[in-house]
Amino acid sequence: MEESLKPQVLEIFCNISQTYKSFRALQLKRLQAPLSKKDEGLYQAHKKSLFELMQSVHLNSARIDELVLELSHLSRNLLKVDGKILRLATISSIKREEFLKHYIGSEISPTWFEEIQKLPGKGWKKFVETHAEEVQELQKEIDALSNETGLIISEFRRISGSVQRGVKQSARA
């Protein structure tokens, strides 16, 4: 029986490999700058195609657990770095909600410091003057995580949240 399935499985993996190469090139391009409408359309088409191809692949439960554990580890690392940056902001007398409003979505933006420096309130100025180097080092860690996963941080957060909700739901079942 396994011999009869082997050609089908190999064809699926070949298709996944070819699609992923194109997808990965666009993914790396997307990490550097927003994609053009044409490239974004291609990116979404490849993403959908990969999703459909992967639906036909059945992974071993142990491998799924390993992947979930790896994702959880990466998510925890991101959360730790975010927490450190948030603590530095609160030390500088910036309210949590105010900080998050300007931080989420700009985690690795090279112009973020220039933008927040112009914000009203002495807390922002103190934050930039006192903690700029430390925050830039933490941003490098976030950038490394983004490069490691091949995802922009907002997409990584979305995927991680979805997987965590799925894990909780499966634990209840």
C-alpha atoms as a PDB file:
ATOM      1  CA  MET A   1       0.000   0.000   0.000  1.00  0.00           C
ATOM      2  CA  GLU A   2       2.800   2.405   0.880  1.00  0.00           C
ATOM      3  CA  GLU A   3       4.415   1.850  -2.516  1.00  0.00           C
ATOM      4  CA  SER A   4       1.209   2.858  -4.295  1.00  0.00           C
ATOM      5  CA  LEU A   5       1.021   6.110  -2.289  1.00  0.00           C
ATOM      6  CA  LYS A   6       4.663   7.050  -2.748  1.00  0.00           C
ATOM      7  CA  PRO A   7       4.316   8.699  -6.214  1.00  0.00           C
ATOM      8  CA  GLN A   8       1.375  10.829  -5.026  1.00  0.00           C
ATOM      9  CA  VAL A   9       3.185  11.920  -1.886  1.00  0.00           C
ATOM     10  CA  LEU A  10       6.364  12.760  -3.786  1.00  0.00           C
ATOM     11  CA  GLU A  11       4.369  14.808  -6.295  1.00  0.00           C
ATOM     12  CA  ILE A  12       2.701  16.752  -3.478  1.00  0.00           C
ATOM     13  CA  PHE A  13       6.067  17.483  -1.849  1.00  0.00           C
ATOM     14  CA  CYS A  14       7.544  18.497  -5.197  1.00  0.00           C
ATOM     15  CA  ASN A  15       4.655  20.950  -5.702  1.00  0.00           C
ATOM     16  CA  ILE A  16       5.082  22.268  -2.171  1.00  0.00           C
ATOM     17  CA  SER A  17       8.803  22.771  -2.768  1.00  0.00           C
ATOM     18  CA  GLN A  18       8.310  24.643  -6.048  1.00  0.00           C
ATOM     19  CA  THR A  19       5.544  26.841  -4.651  1.00  0.00           C
ATOM     20  CA  TYR A  20       7.508  27.524  -1.482  1.00  0.00           C
ATOM     21  CA  LYS A  21      10.553  28.760  -3.415  1.00  0.00           C
ATOM     22  CA  SER A  22       8.471  31.453  -5.099  1.00  0.00           C
ATOM     23  CA  PHE A  23       6.602  32.182  -1.875  1.00  0.00           C
ATOM     24  CA  ARG A  24       9.829  32.505   0.144  1.00  0.00           C
ATOM     25  CA  ALA A  25      11.338  34.960  -2.352  1.00  0.00           C
ATOM     26  CA  LEU A  26       8.263  37.158  -2.026  1.00  0.00           C
ATOM     27  CA  GLN A  27       8.260  36.677   1.735  1.00  0.00           C
ATOM     28  CA  LEU A  28      11.837  37.944   2.023  1.00  0.00           C
ATOM     29  CA  LYS A  29      11.010  40.863  -0.255  1.00  0.00           C
ATOM     30  CA  ARG A  30       7.971  41.602   1.937  1.00  0.00           C
ATOM     31  CA  LEU A  31      10.151  41.740   5.057  1.00  0.00           C
ATOM     32  CA  GLN A  32      12.234  44.512   3.507  1.00  0.00           C
ATOM     33  CA  ALA A  33       9.394  46.724   2.258  1.00  0.00           C
ATOM     34  CA  PRO A  34       5.700  46.576   1.391  1.00  0.00           C
ATOM     35  CA  LEU A  35       5.032  44.625  -1.792  1.00  0.00           C
ATOM     36  CA  SER A  36       3.536  46.103  -4.944  1.00  0.00           C
ATOM     37  CA  LYS A  37      -0.099  45.178  -5.606  1.00  0.00           C
ATOM     38  CA  LYS A  38       1.021  42.638  -8.222  1.00  0.00           C
ATOM     39  CA  ASP A  39       3.558  41.021  -5.877  1.00  0.00           C
ATOM     40  CA  GLU A  40       1.091  41.078  -2.963  1.00  0.00           C
ATOM     41  CA  GLY A  41      -1.416  39.265  -5.174  1.00  0.00           C
ATOM     42  CA  LEU A  42       1.231  36.664  -6.065  1.00  0.00           C
ATOM     43  CA  TYR A  43       2.176  36.350  -2.402  1.00  0.00           C
ATOM     44  CA  GLN A  44      -1.444  35.703  -1.408  1.00  0.00           C
ATOM     45  CA  ALA A  45      -1.917  33.236  -4.289  1.00  0.00           C
ATOM     46  CA  HIS A  46       1.205  31.268  -3.276  1.00  0.00           C
ATOM     47  CA  LYS A  47       0.115  31.371   0.364  1.00  0.00           C
ATOM     48  CA  LYS A  48      -3.302  29.956  -0.563  1.00  0.00           C
ATOM     49  CA  SER A  49      -1.708  27.326  -2.791  1.00  0.00           C
ATOM     50  CA  LEU A  50       0.668  26.236  -0.015  1.00  0.00           C
ATOM     51  CA  PHE A  51      -2.227  26.056   2.409  1.00  0.00           C
ATOM     52  CA  GLU A  52      -4.181  23.826   0.028  1.00  0.00           C
ATOM     53  CA  LEU A  53      -1.177  21.625  -0.669  1.00  0.00           C
ATOM     54  CA  MET A  54      -0.399  21.264   3.031  1.00  0.00           C
ATOM     55  CA  GLN A  55      -4.003  20.253   3.704  1.00  0.00           C
ATOM     56  CA  SER A  56      -3.272  17.019   1.862  1.00  0.00           C
ATOM     57  CA  VAL A  57      -0.210  16.282   4.017  1.00  0.00           C
ATOM     58  CA  HIS A  58      -0.784  14.418   7.257  1.00  0.00           C
ATOM     59  CA  LEU A  59       1.938  14.995   9.821  1.00  0.00           C
ATOM     60  CA  ASN A  60       2.816  12.732  12.685  1.00  0.00           C
ATOM     61  CA  SER A  61       1.341  13.953  16.000  1.00  0.00           C
ATOM     62  CA  ALA A  62       4.796  14.083  17.575  1.00  0.00           C
ATOM     63  CA  ARG A  63       6.055  16.342  14.762  1.00  0.00           C
ATOM     64  CA  ILE A  64       3.056  18.634  15.172  1.00  0.00           C
ATOM     65  CA  ASP A  65       3.821  18.861  18.900  1.00  0.00           C
ATOM     66  CA  GLU A  66       7.452  19.750  18.093  1.00  0.00           C
ATOM     67  CA  LEU A  67       6.367  22.514  15.717  1.00  0.00           C
ATOM     68  CA  VAL A  68       3.875  23.911  18.246  1.00  0.00           C
ATOM     69  CA  LEU A  69       6.587  23.852  20.921  1.00  0.00           C
ATOM     70  CA  GLU A  70       9.007  25.688  18.617  1.00  0.00           C
ATOM     71  CA  LEU A  71       6.370  28.302  17.789  1.00  0.00           C
ATOM     72  CA  SER A  72       5.606  28.731  21.492  1.00  0.00           C
ATOM     73  CA  HIS A  73       9.303  29.218  22.231  1.00  0.00           C
ATOM     74  CA  LEU A  74       9.613  31.912  19.546  1.00  0.00           C
ATOM     75  CA  SER A  75       6.437  33.581  20.780  1.00  0.00           C
ATOM     76  CA  ARG A  76       7.732  33.632  24.367  1.00  0.00           C
ATOM     77  CA  ASN A  77      11.000  35.191  23.193  1.00  0.00           C
ATOM     78  CA  LEU A  78       9.076  37.923  21.384  1.00  0.00           C
ATOM     79  CA  LEU A  79       6.918  38.500  24.442  1.00  0.00           C
ATOM     80  CA  LYS A  80      10.013  38.828  26.656  1.00  0.00           C
ATOM     81  CA  VAL A  81      11.556  41.432  24.359  1.00  0.00           C
ATOM     82  CA  ASP A  82       8.270  43.329  24.080  1.00  0.00           C
ATOM     83  CA  GLY A  83       7.986  43.257  27.878  1.00  0.00           C
ATOM     84  CA  LYS A  84      11.483  44.671  28.308  1.00  0.00           C
ATOM     85  CA  ILE A  85      10.750  47.536  25.922  1.00  0.00           C
ATOM     86  CA  LEU A  86       7.403  48.206  27.642  1.00  0.00           C
ATOM     87  CA  ARG A  87       9.101  48.310  31.053  1.00  0.00           C
ATOM     88  CA  LEU A  88      11.614  50.847  29.753  1.00  0.00           C
ATOM     89  CA  ALA A  89       8.721  52.948  28.481  1.00  0.00           C
ATOM     90  CA  THR A  90       6.834  52.813  31.778  1.00  0.00           C
ATOM     91  CA  ILE A  91      10.024  53.735  33.648  1.00  0.00           C
ATOM     92  CA  SER A  92      10.126  56.806  31.405  1.00  0.00           C
ATOM     93  CA  SER A  93       6.573  57.733  32.519  1.00  0.00           C
ATOM     94  CA  ILE A  94       4.823  56.665  29.312  1.00  0.00           C
ATOM     95  CA  LYS A  95       1.414  55.109  29.843  1.00  0.00           C
ATOM     96  CA  ARG A  96       1.113  51.522  28.684  1.00  0.00           C
ATOM     97  CA  GLU A  97      -1.793  52.173  26.287  1.00  0.00           C
ATOM     98  CA  GLU A  98      -0.051  55.200  24.789  1.00  0.00           C
ATOM     99  CA  PHE A  99       3.148  53.245  24.271  1.00  0.00           C
ATOM    100  CA  LEU A 100       1.393  50.254  22.677  1.00  0.00           C
ATOM    101  CA  LYS A 101      -0.503  52.570  20.327  1.00  0.00           C
ATOM    102  CA  HIS A 102       2.792  53.796  18.870  1.00  0.00           C
ATOM    103  CA  TYR A 103       4.743  50.543  19.229  1.00  0.00           C
ATOM    104  CA  ILE A 104       2.563  47.785  17.736  1.00  0.00           C
ATOM    105  CA  GLY A 105       3.193  47.638  14.015  1.00  0.00           C
ATOM    106  CA  SER A 106       6.442  49.606  14.295  1.00  0.00           C
ATOM    107  CA  GLU A 107       8.468  47.051  16.246  1.00  0.00           C
ATOM    108  CA  ILE A 108      11.367  46.982  13.800  1.00  0.00           C
ATOM    109  CA  SER A 109      10.799  50.232  11.942  1.00  0.00           C
ATOM    110  CA  PRO A 110      14.112  52.054  11.449  1.00  0.00           C
ATOM    111  CA  THR A 111      12.311  55.409  11.714  1.00  0.00           C
ATOM    112  CA  TRP A 112      10.408  54.607  14.918  1.00  0.00           C
ATOM    113  CA  PHE A 113      12.711  56.606  17.186  1.00  0.00           C
ATOM    114  CA  GLU A 114      12.490  59.635  14.917  1.00  0.00           C
ATOM    115  CA  GLU A 115       8.692  59.378  14.973  1.00  0.00           C
ATOM    116  CA  ILE A 116       8.280  58.961  18.734  1.00  0.00           C
ATOM    117  CA  GLN A 117      10.787  61.685  19.490  1.00  0.00           C
ATOM    118  CA  LYS A 118       8.331  64.165  17.954  1.00  0.00           C
ATOM    119  CA  LEU A 119       5.461  63.028  20.177  1.00  0.00           C
ATOM    120  CA  PRO A 120       4.244  65.411  22.881  1.00  0.00           C
ATOM    121  CA  GLY A 121       5.022  64.605  26.473  1.00  0.00           C
ATOM    122  CA  LYS A 122       8.289  64.514  28.341  1.00  0.00           C
ATOM    123  CA  GLY A 123       8.087  60.727  28.779  1.00  0.00           C
ATOM    124  CA  TRP A 124       8.794  60.108  25.089  1.00  0.00           C
ATOM    125  CA  LYS A 125      11.795  62.401  25.088  1.00  0.00           C
ATOM    126  CA  LYS A 126      13.128  60.770  28.262  1.00  0.00           C
ATOM    127  CA  PHE A 127      12.541  57.321  26.747  1.00  0.00           C
ATOM    128  CA  VAL A 128      14.538  58.166  23.621  1.00  0.00           C
ATOM    129  CA  GLU A 129      17.354  59.929  25.474  1.00  0.00           C
ATOM    130  CA  THR A 130      17.730  57.311  28.197  1.00  0.00           C
ATOM    131  CA  HIS A 131      16.961  54.002  26.535  1.00  0.00           C
ATOM    132  CA  ALA A 132      17.636  54.416  22.791  1.00  0.00           C
ATOM    133  CA  GLU A 133      20.628  52.070  22.610  1.00  0.00           C
ATOM    134  CA  GLU A 134      19.022  49.359  24.709  1.00  0.00           C
ATOM    135  CA  VAL A 135      15.763  49.495  22.741  1.00  0.00           C
ATOM    136  CA  GLN A 136      17.635  49.387  19.435  1.00  0.00           C
ATOM    137  CA  GLU A 137      19.410  46.215  20.595  1.00  0.00           C
ATOM    138  CA  LEU A 138      16.055  44.722  21.550  1.00  0.00           C
ATOM    139  CA  GLN A 139      14.672  45.727  18.148  1.00  0.00           C
ATOM    140  CA  LYS A 140      17.540  43.793  16.557  1.00  0.00           C
ATOM    141  CA  GLU A 141      16.368  40.699  18.455  1.00  0.00           C
ATOM    142  CA  ILE A 142      12.848  41.223  17.098  1.00  0.00           C
ATOM    143  CA  ASP A 143      14.254  41.689  13.600  1.00  0.00           C
ATOM    144  CA  ALA A 144      16.228  38.448  13.956  1.00  0.00           C
ATOM    145  CA  LEU A 145      13.047  36.627  14.981  1.00  0.00           C
ATOM    146  CA  SER A 146      11.238  38.125  11.985  1.00  0.00           C
ATOM    147  CA  ASN A 147      14.014  36.921   9.674  1.00  0.00           C
ATOM    148  CA  GLU A 148      14.111  33.489  11.318  1.00  0.00           C
ATOM    149  CA  THR A 149      10.382  32.969  10.814  1.00  0.00           C
ATOM    150  CA  GLY A 150      10.216  34.774   7.477  1.00  0.00           C
ATOM    151  CA  LEU A 151       7.194  36.666   8.719  1.00  0.00           C
ATOM    152  CA  ILE A 152       6.473  40.260   9.539  1.00  0.00           C
ATOM    153  CA  ILE A 153       5.887  40.538  13.279  1.00  0.00           C
ATOM    154  CA  SER A 154       2.160  41.285  13.033  1.00  0.00           C
ATOM    155  CA  GLU A 155       1.648  38.129  10.950  1.00  0.00           C
ATOM    156  CA  PHE A 156       3.750  36.086  13.368  1.00  0.00           C
ATOM    157  CA  ARG A 157       1.619  37.343  16.277  1.00  0.00           C
ATOM    158  CA  ARG A 158      -1.575  36.434  14.394  1.00  0.00           C
ATOM    159  CA  ILE A 159      -0.371  32.912  13.559  1.00  0.00           C
ATOM    160  CA  SER A 160       0.962  32.333  17.045  1.00  0.00           C
ATOM    161  CA  GLY A 161      -2.336  33.440  18.578  1.00  0.00           C
ATOM    162  CA  SER A 162      -4.308  31.159  16.266  1.00  0.00           C
ATOM    163  CA  VAL A 163      -2.123  28.174  17.119  1.00  0.00           C
ATOM    164  CA  GLN A 164      -2.359  28.886  20.853  1.00  0.00           C
ATOM    165  CA  ARG A 165      -6.165  29.082  20.625  1.00  0.00           C
ATOM    166  CA  GLY A 166      -6.164  25.778  18.705  1.00  0.00           C
ATOM    167  CA  VAL A 167      -3.978  24.129  21.342  1.00  0.00           C
ATOM    168  CA  LYS A 168      -6.348  25.299  24.106  1.00  0.00           C
ATOM    169  CA  GLN A 169      -9.388  24.060  22.198  1.00  0.00           C
ATOM    170  CA  SER A 170      -7.837  20.664  21.522  1.00  0.00           C
ATOM    171  CA  ALA A 171      -6.851  20.339  25.179  1.00  0.00           C
ATOM    172  CA  ARG A 172     -10.482  20.920  26.191  1.00  0.00           C
ATOM    173  CA  ALA A 173     -11.771  18.309  23.736  1.00  0.00           C
END
